[in-house]
Protein backbone atom coordinates (compact mmCIF):
# COMPACT_ATOMS: atom_id res chain seq x y z
CA MET A 1 -26.11 93.53 91.61
CA THR A 2 -26.20 89.99 90.64
CA THR A 3 -29.54 89.22 92.78
CA PHE A 4 -31.31 91.91 91.30
CA ALA A 5 -30.35 91.11 87.62
CA ALA A 6 -31.74 87.68 88.48
CA VAL A 7 -35.17 88.93 90.03
CA THR A 8 -35.52 91.29 86.91
CA ALA A 9 -35.09 88.16 84.41
CA ASN A 10 -37.58 86.23 86.47
CA ALA A 11 -40.11 88.71 86.45
CA GLN A 12 -40.02 89.02 82.56
CA GLU A 13 -40.41 85.47 82.22
CA LYS A 14 -44.00 84.40 80.85
CA LYS A 15 -46.05 82.51 83.04
CA LYS A 16 -47.74 79.43 81.59
CA GLU A 17 -50.76 77.50 82.79
CA TYR A 18 -51.06 73.68 81.86
CA ARG A 19 -54.25 71.83 80.79
CA SER A 20 -55.42 68.43 80.16
CA ALA A 21 -56.26 67.77 76.45
CA GLU A 22 -58.62 65.03 77.84
CA SER A 23 -60.53 66.88 80.57
CA GLY A 24 -59.73 70.58 79.97
CA ARG A 25 -58.90 70.97 83.61
CA TYR A 26 -56.13 72.82 84.70
CA VAL A 27 -53.09 70.66 85.81
CA THR A 28 -49.73 71.31 87.58
CA LYS A 29 -46.26 71.61 85.68
CA LYS A 30 -45.48 68.40 87.11
CA GLN A 31 -48.33 66.70 85.76
CA ALA A 32 -47.68 68.24 82.21
CA GLU A 33 -44.15 67.01 82.14
CA LYS A 34 -45.39 63.39 83.16
CA ASN A 35 -47.87 63.50 80.36
CA PRO A 36 -46.71 65.42 77.65
CA SER A 37 -49.01 63.81 74.67
CA THR A 38 -52.24 64.70 77.00
CA THR A 39 -51.35 68.23 78.02
CA TYR A 40 -50.74 71.84 76.37
CA SER A 41 -49.64 74.82 77.94
CA THR A 42 -50.62 78.45 77.36
CA THR A 43 -49.43 81.83 78.48
CA ARG A 44 -51.19 83.57 81.41
CA LYS A 45 -53.04 86.69 80.79
CA SER A 46 -51.86 89.43 82.67
CA GLY A 47 -54.20 89.93 85.82
CA ASN A 48 -53.70 93.68 86.07
CA SER A 49 -56.12 94.84 83.26
CA LYS A 50 -59.07 96.78 84.59
CA ARG A 51 -62.51 95.66 83.83
CA SER A 52 -65.11 98.33 82.89
CA LYS A 53 -68.50 97.79 84.53
């Protein structure tokens, strides 16, 4: 039961993506933590939406 609760909690967390303020390129979380003054994070958009053609 404990494992299920942990998995559920992790699934509900918002995923973040990190970008360089200087270049606009995506960077890893590790790089963002190393250079907090030149990076920013945003929440990821859900990939489950269907596009109309």
